[in-house]
C-alpha atoms as a PDB file:
ATOM      1  CA  MET A   1     115.741  93.861  33.093  1.00  0.00           C
ATOM      2  CA  GLY A   2     117.801  95.997  35.490  1.00  0.00           C
ATOM      3  CA  MET A   3     115.063  98.640  35.491  1.00  0.00           C
ATOM      4  CA  ARG A   4     112.440  96.073  36.540  1.00  0.00           C
ATOM      5  CA  ILE A   5     114.575  94.898  39.459  1.00  0.00           C
ATOM      6  CA  LYS A   6     115.115  98.507  40.570  1.00  0.00           C
ATOM      7  CA  ALA A   7     111.364  99.186  40.374  1.00  0.00           C
ATOM      8  CA  LEU A   8     110.629  95.992  42.300  1.00  0.00           C
ATOM      9  CA  LEU A   9     113.190  96.935  44.967  1.00  0.00           C
ATOM     10  CA  ALA A  10     111.701 100.431  45.237  1.00  0.00           C
ATOM     11  CA  LEU A  11     108.195  99.000  45.653  1.00  0.00           C
ATOM     12  CA  THR A  12     109.485  96.560  48.276  1.00  0.00           C
ATOM     13  CA  ALA A  13     111.120  99.431  50.183  1.00  0.00           C
ATOM     14  CA  VAL A  14     107.888 101.454  50.099  1.00  0.00           C
ATOM     15  CA  ALA A  15     105.872  98.448  51.307  1.00  0.00           C
ATOM     16  CA  ALA A  16     108.372  97.792  54.101  1.00  0.00           C
ATOM     17  CA  SER A  17     108.280 101.407  55.266  1.00  0.00           C
ATOM     18  CA  LEU A  18     104.474 101.399  55.273  1.00  0.00           C
ATOM     19  CA  SER A  19     104.525  98.137  57.211  1.00  0.00           C
ATOM     20  CA  ALA A  20     106.982  99.671  59.693  1.00  0.00           C
ATOM     21  CA  CYS A  21     104.599 102.611  60.242  1.00  0.00           C
ATOM     22  CA  ALA A  22     101.791 100.199  61.041  1.00  0.00           C
ATOM     23  CA  THR A  23     104.090  98.309  63.426  1.00  0.00           C
ATOM     24  CA  VAL A  24     105.104 101.533  65.214  1.00  0.00           C
ATOM     25  CA  SER A  25     101.432 102.501  65.650  1.00  0.00           C
ATOM     26  CA  ARG A  26     100.632  99.043  66.972  1.00  0.00           C
ATOM     27  CA  LEU A  27     103.563  99.180  69.399  1.00  0.00           C
ATOM     28  CA  ASP A  28     102.488 102.648  70.569  1.00  0.00           C
ATOM     29  CA  ALA A  29      98.927 101.449  71.041  1.00  0.00           C
ATOM     30  CA  ALA A  30     100.052  98.232  72.749  1.00  0.00           C
ATOM     31  CA  GLY A  31     101.254 100.089  75.853  1.00  0.00           C
ATOM     32  CA  ASP A  32      97.848 101.712  76.403  1.00  0.00           C
ATOM     33  CA  VAL A  33      95.962  98.511  75.523  1.00  0.00           C
ATOM     34  CA  HIS A  34      98.143  96.681  78.043  1.00  0.00           C
ATOM     35  CA  ASP A  35      97.395  99.319  80.699  1.00  0.00           C
ATOM     36  CA  LEU A  36      93.653  99.026  80.025  1.00  0.00           C
ATOM     37  CA  LEU A  37      93.698  95.222  80.227  1.00  0.00           C
ATOM     38  CA  VAL A  38      95.642  95.340  83.512  1.00  0.00           C
ATOM     39  CA  ALA A  39      93.102  97.863  84.850  1.00  0.00           C
ATOM     40  CA  ILE A  40      90.286  95.512  83.845  1.00  0.00           C
ATOM     41  CA  ARG A  41      91.999  92.519  85.434  1.00  0.00           C
ATOM     42  CA  ASP A  42      92.691  94.445  88.652  1.00  0.00           C
ATOM     43  CA  ASN A  43      89.320  96.279  88.728  1.00  0.00           C
ATOM     44  CA  ASP A  44      91.241  99.562  88.792  1.00  0.00           C
ATOM     45  CA  ARG A  45      88.526 102.098  87.959  1.00  0.00           C
ATOM     46  CA  ALA A  46      90.859 105.138  87.728  1.00  0.00           C
ATOM     47  CA  ALA A  47      93.267 103.461  85.291  1.00  0.00           C
ATOM     48  CA  PHE A  48      90.313 102.044  83.347  1.00  0.00           C
ATOM     49  CA  ASP A  49      88.693 105.486  83.021  1.00  0.00           C
ATOM     50  CA  ALA A  50      92.000 106.974  81.794  1.00  0.00           C
ATOM     51  CA  HIS A  51      91.976 104.580  78.813  1.00  0.00           C
ATOM     52  CA  VAL A  52      88.285 104.665  77.899  1.00  0.00           C
ATOM     53  CA  ASP A  53      86.362 107.167  75.775  1.00  0.00           C
ATOM     54  CA  ARG A  54      82.984 107.022  77.537  1.00  0.00           C
ATOM     55  CA  ARG A  55      81.298 109.333  75.040  1.00  0.00           C
ATOM     56  CA  ALA A  56      82.281 107.102  72.103  1.00  0.00           C
ATOM     57  CA  LEU A  57      81.163 103.952  73.917  1.00  0.00           C
ATOM     58  CA  LYS A  58      77.833 105.513  74.929  1.00  0.00           C
ATOM     59  CA  SER A  59      77.301 106.573  71.300  1.00  0.00           C
ATOM     60  CA  GLN A  60      77.916 102.983  70.244  1.00  0.00           C
ATOM     61  CA  ILE A  61      75.381 101.740  72.829  1.00  0.00           C
ATOM     62  CA  GLU A  62      72.853 104.331  71.630  1.00  0.00           C
ATOM     63  CA  ALA A  63      73.343 103.251  67.998  1.00  0.00           C
ATOM     64  CA  ARG A  64      72.874  99.629  69.013  1.00  0.00           C
ATOM     65  CA  LEU A  65      69.624 100.483  70.832  1.00  0.00           C
ATOM     66  CA  MET A  66      68.359 102.260  67.703  1.00  0.00           C
ATOM     67  CA  ASP A  67      69.314  99.264  65.526  1.00  0.00           C
ATOM     68  CA  GLU A  68      67.467  96.916  67.866  1.00  0.00           C
ATOM     69  CA  ALA A  69      64.386  99.168  67.754  1.00  0.00           C
ATOM     70  CA  ARG A  70      64.468  99.048  63.935  1.00  0.00           C
ATOM     71  CA  GLN A  71      64.863  95.264  63.922  1.00  0.00           C
ATOM     72  CA  ARG A  72      61.954  94.785  66.304  1.00  0.00           C
ATOM     73  CA  GLY A  73      59.551  96.364  63.893  1.00  0.00           C
ATOM     74  CA  GLY A  74      59.819  99.991  64.880  1.00  0.00           C
ATOM     75  CA  ARG A  75      59.587 101.126  61.310  1.00  0.00           C
ATOM     76  CA  SER A  76      56.844 103.707  61.792  1.00  0.00           C
ATOM     77  CA  ASP A  77      57.926 107.317  62.167  1.00  0.00           C
ATOM     78  CA  ALA A  78      56.269 107.562  65.588  1.00  0.00           C
ATOM     79  CA  ALA A  79      57.948 104.407  66.876  1.00  0.00           C
ATOM     80  CA  MET A  80      61.355 105.522  65.613  1.00  0.00           C
ATOM     81  CA  ALA A  81      60.895 109.006  67.092  1.00  0.00           C
ATOM     82  CA  LEU A  82      60.068 107.435  70.441  1.00  0.00           C
ATOM     83  CA  ALA A  83      63.063 105.103  70.168  1.00  0.00           C
ATOM     84  CA  ALA A  84      65.302 108.065  69.323  1.00  0.00           C
ATOM     85  CA  LEU A  85      64.050 109.975  72.376  1.00  0.00           C
ATOM     86  CA  ALA A  86      64.583 106.980  74.660  1.00  0.00           C
ATOM     87  CA  ALA A  87      67.907 105.813  73.200  1.00  0.00           C
ATOM     88  CA  GLY A  88      69.986 108.677  74.620  1.00  0.00           C
ATOM     89  CA  PRO A  89      68.864 108.352  78.248  1.00  0.00           C
ATOM     90  CA  LEU A  90      68.919 104.544  78.022  1.00  0.00           C
ATOM     91  CA  ALA A  91      72.454 104.657  76.611  1.00  0.00           C
ATOM     92  CA  ASP A  92      73.493 106.905  79.517  1.00  0.00           C
ATOM     93  CA  VAL A  93      72.088 104.454  82.058  1.00  0.00           C
ATOM     94  CA  ALA A  94      73.519 101.452  80.222  1.00  0.00           C
ATOM     95  CA  GLY A  95      76.847 103.231  79.867  1.00  0.00           C
ATOM     96  CA  GLU A  96      77.082 103.836  83.594  1.00  0.00           C
ATOM     97  CA  ALA A  97      76.158 100.207  84.267  1.00  0.00           C
ATOM     98  CA  LEU A  98      78.343  98.631  81.576  1.00  0.00           C
ATOM     99  CA  ILE A  99      81.381 100.850  81.070  1.00  0.00           C
ATOM    100  CA  ARG A 100      83.367  99.600  84.033  1.00  0.00           C
ATOM    101  CA  PRO A 101      86.221  97.137  84.433  1.00  0.00           C
ATOM    102  CA  GLU A 102      84.062  94.216  85.605  1.00  0.00           C
ATOM    103  CA  THR A 103      82.060  94.217  82.383  1.00  0.00           C
ATOM    104  CA  PHE A 104      85.177  93.663  80.286  1.00  0.00           C
ATOM    105  CA  HIS A 105      86.669  90.739  82.257  1.00  0.00           C
ATOM    106  CA  ALA A 106      85.808  88.258  79.481  1.00  0.00           C
ATOM    107  CA  ALA A 107      87.804  90.317  76.966  1.00  0.00           C
ATOM    108  CA  ALA A 108      90.781  90.640  79.333  1.00  0.00           C
ATOM    109  CA  ASN A 109      90.680  86.889  80.001  1.00  0.00           C
ATOM    110  CA  TYR A 110      90.567  86.230  76.259  1.00  0.00           C
ATOM    111  CA  TYR A 111      93.865  88.083  75.854  1.00  0.00           C
ATOM    112  CA  GLY A 112      95.522  86.277  78.779  1.00  0.00           C
ATOM    113  CA  TYR A 113      95.060  88.888  81.486  1.00  0.00           C
ATOM    114  CA  THR A 114      94.067  86.603  84.332  1.00  0.00           C
ATOM    115  CA  PRO A 115      95.480  86.657  87.876  1.00  0.00           C
ATOM    116  CA  ASP A 116      96.944  83.150  87.481  1.00  0.00           C
ATOM    117  CA  ARG A 117      99.041  83.876  84.359  1.00  0.00           C
ATOM    118  CA  PRO A 118     102.016  86.097  83.592  1.00  0.00           C
ATOM    119  CA  ILE A 119     100.981  89.349  81.923  1.00  0.00           C
ATOM    120  CA  PRO A 120     101.623  89.394  78.163  1.00  0.00           C
ATOM    121  CA  GLY A 121     104.228  91.932  77.084  1.00  0.00           C
ATOM    122  CA  ARG A 122     103.890  94.906  74.789  1.00  0.00           C
ATOM    123  CA  VAL A 123     105.143  93.003  71.722  1.00  0.00           C
ATOM    124  CA  ALA A 124     102.656  90.177  72.346  1.00  0.00           C
ATOM    125  CA  ILE A 125      99.831  92.727  72.612  1.00  0.00           C
ATOM    126  CA  ALA A 126     101.038  94.551  69.490  1.00  0.00           C
ATOM    127  CA  SER A 127     100.771  91.266  67.590  1.00  0.00           C
ATOM    128  CA  THR A 128      97.035  91.139  68.422  1.00  0.00           C
ATOM    129  CA  LEU A 129      96.374  94.665  67.145  1.00  0.00           C
ATOM    130  CA  ARG A 130      95.192  95.296  63.583  1.00  0.00           C
ATOM    131  CA  PRO A 131      95.211  98.735  61.980  1.00  0.00           C
ATOM    132  CA  ILE A 132      91.656  99.355  60.727  1.00  0.00           C
ATOM    133  CA  GLY A 133      91.992 102.861  59.311  1.00  0.00           C
ATOM    134  CA  ASN A 134      91.058 106.298  60.594  1.00  0.00           C
ATOM    135  CA  GLY A 135      93.844 106.162  63.197  1.00  0.00           C
ATOM    136  CA  GLN A 136      92.300 103.131  64.859  1.00  0.00           C
ATOM    137  CA  VAL A 137      93.468  99.660  65.801  1.00  0.00           C
ATOM    138  CA  CYS A 138      91.420  96.730  66.975  1.00  0.00           C
ATOM    139  CA  ALA A 139      92.415  93.952  69.311  1.00  0.00           C
ATOM    140  CA  ALA A 140      91.892  90.556  67.744  1.00  0.00           C
ATOM    141  CA  LYS A 141      93.620  87.226  67.765  1.00  0.00           C
ATOM    142  CA  LYS A 142      95.051  86.191  64.388  1.00  0.00           C
ATOM    143  CA  THR A 143      91.865  84.855  62.840  1.00  0.00           C
ATOM    144  CA  GLY A 144      89.416  86.036  65.468  1.00  0.00           C
ATOM    145  CA  PRO A 145      87.001  88.931  65.508  1.00  0.00           C
ATOM    146  CA  CYS A 146      87.874  92.483  66.528  1.00  0.00           C
ATOM    147  CA  LEU A 147      86.750  92.635  70.149  1.00  0.00           C
ATOM    148  CA  LEU A 148      88.009  96.040  71.193  1.00  0.00           C
ATOM    149  CA  THR A 149      88.660  99.136  69.076  1.00  0.00           C
ATOM    150  CA  PHE A 150      91.127 101.840  70.114  1.00  0.00           C
ATOM    151  CA  THR A 151      91.575 105.362  68.764  1.00  0.00           C
ATOM    152  CA  GLN A 152      94.558 107.582  69.368  1.00  0.00           C
ATOM    153  CA  GLU A 153      93.643 110.760  71.247  1.00  0.00           C
ATOM    154  CA  GLY A 154      96.746 112.885  71.638  1.00  0.00           C
ATOM    155  CA  THR A 155      99.403 110.562  73.047  1.00  0.00           C
ATOM    156  CA  THR A 156      96.939 108.049  74.511  1.00  0.00           C
ATOM    157  CA  TRP A 157      95.088 105.228  72.806  1.00  0.00           C
ATOM    158  CA  ARG A 158      91.566 104.943  74.250  1.00  0.00           C
ATOM    159  CA  LEU A 159      88.935 102.250  73.983  1.00  0.00           C
ATOM    160  CA  THR A 160      86.304 103.673  71.620  1.00  0.00           C
ATOM    161  CA  GLY A 161      84.384 100.577  70.555  1.00  0.00           C
ATOM    162  CA  PHE A 162      83.696  96.969  71.392  1.00  0.00           C
ATOM    163  CA  ASP A 163      81.895  94.016  69.882  1.00  0.00           C
ATOM    164  CA  ALA A 164      79.591  92.954  72.712  1.00  0.00           C
ATOM    165  CA  GLU A 165      78.702  89.579  71.203  1.00  0.00           C
ATOM    166  CA  ALA A 166      82.247  88.638  70.283  1.00  0.00           C
ATOM    167  CA  ALA A 167      83.563  89.724  73.698  1.00  0.00           C
ATOM    168  CA  ASN A 168      80.721  87.955  75.525  1.00  0.00           C
ATOM    169  CA  LEU A 169      79.592  91.327  76.856  1.00  0.00           C
ATOM    170  CA  HIS A 170      75.873  90.813  76.403  1.00  0.00           C
ATOM    171  CA  LEU A 171      73.425  93.442  77.545  1.00  0.00           C
ATOM    172  CA  LYS A 172      71.103  91.992  80.157  1.00  0.00           C
ATOM    173  CA  ARG A 173      67.486  92.201  79.056  1.00  0.00           C
END
C-alpha cells in the first residue's frame, strides 16, 4: 500500500512539473501576445510588425488559396498547376493587404483590447493561451476556437497563424 501511495505521489509531482512548464511558456508568451494586441488596438504598425511572422502568415494564406482552388473543382492537373502559379503572388498581395493591425481589430476586441476598457494583464492573457505542441500556443477563450497561433522565435513569440473565420477576418471576394 505504501508503495502505491509513493508511486501516486511521484506521478502527481511529474504532472505538476509538466503543468508548471506549460504555465511558464504561457506566461512568457502572454507578454508578447499582450504587446501584439495593444499594437492592434492602437494601430501601431511598428509594434505589430515586431510580433508578426509575415512569411508564416503568407504561407497560410497561400495554402488557403490552394485549398479553395481544390474545393472549387480545380482537380485537373492543369487547373491545379495554374492555381499553384497564381497562389504565391496572390498570397503576397493578400498578405500586404491583410497583415496589418486594422485587419485584426475583431480579434483584439474579442480579447478585451478596446479603447473603452482597461487592458487585460499578463496573467489574464496567459489564461487564454493553450499549448498546442511544436513550441506553439494559441489564443482562445476557455471553450472557444483558437483564433491566433503564436510560435516562439528566439525570445519573442510571434503570430504565425490565424483562423480567419473564427476571428471574423474574412477575405473580401
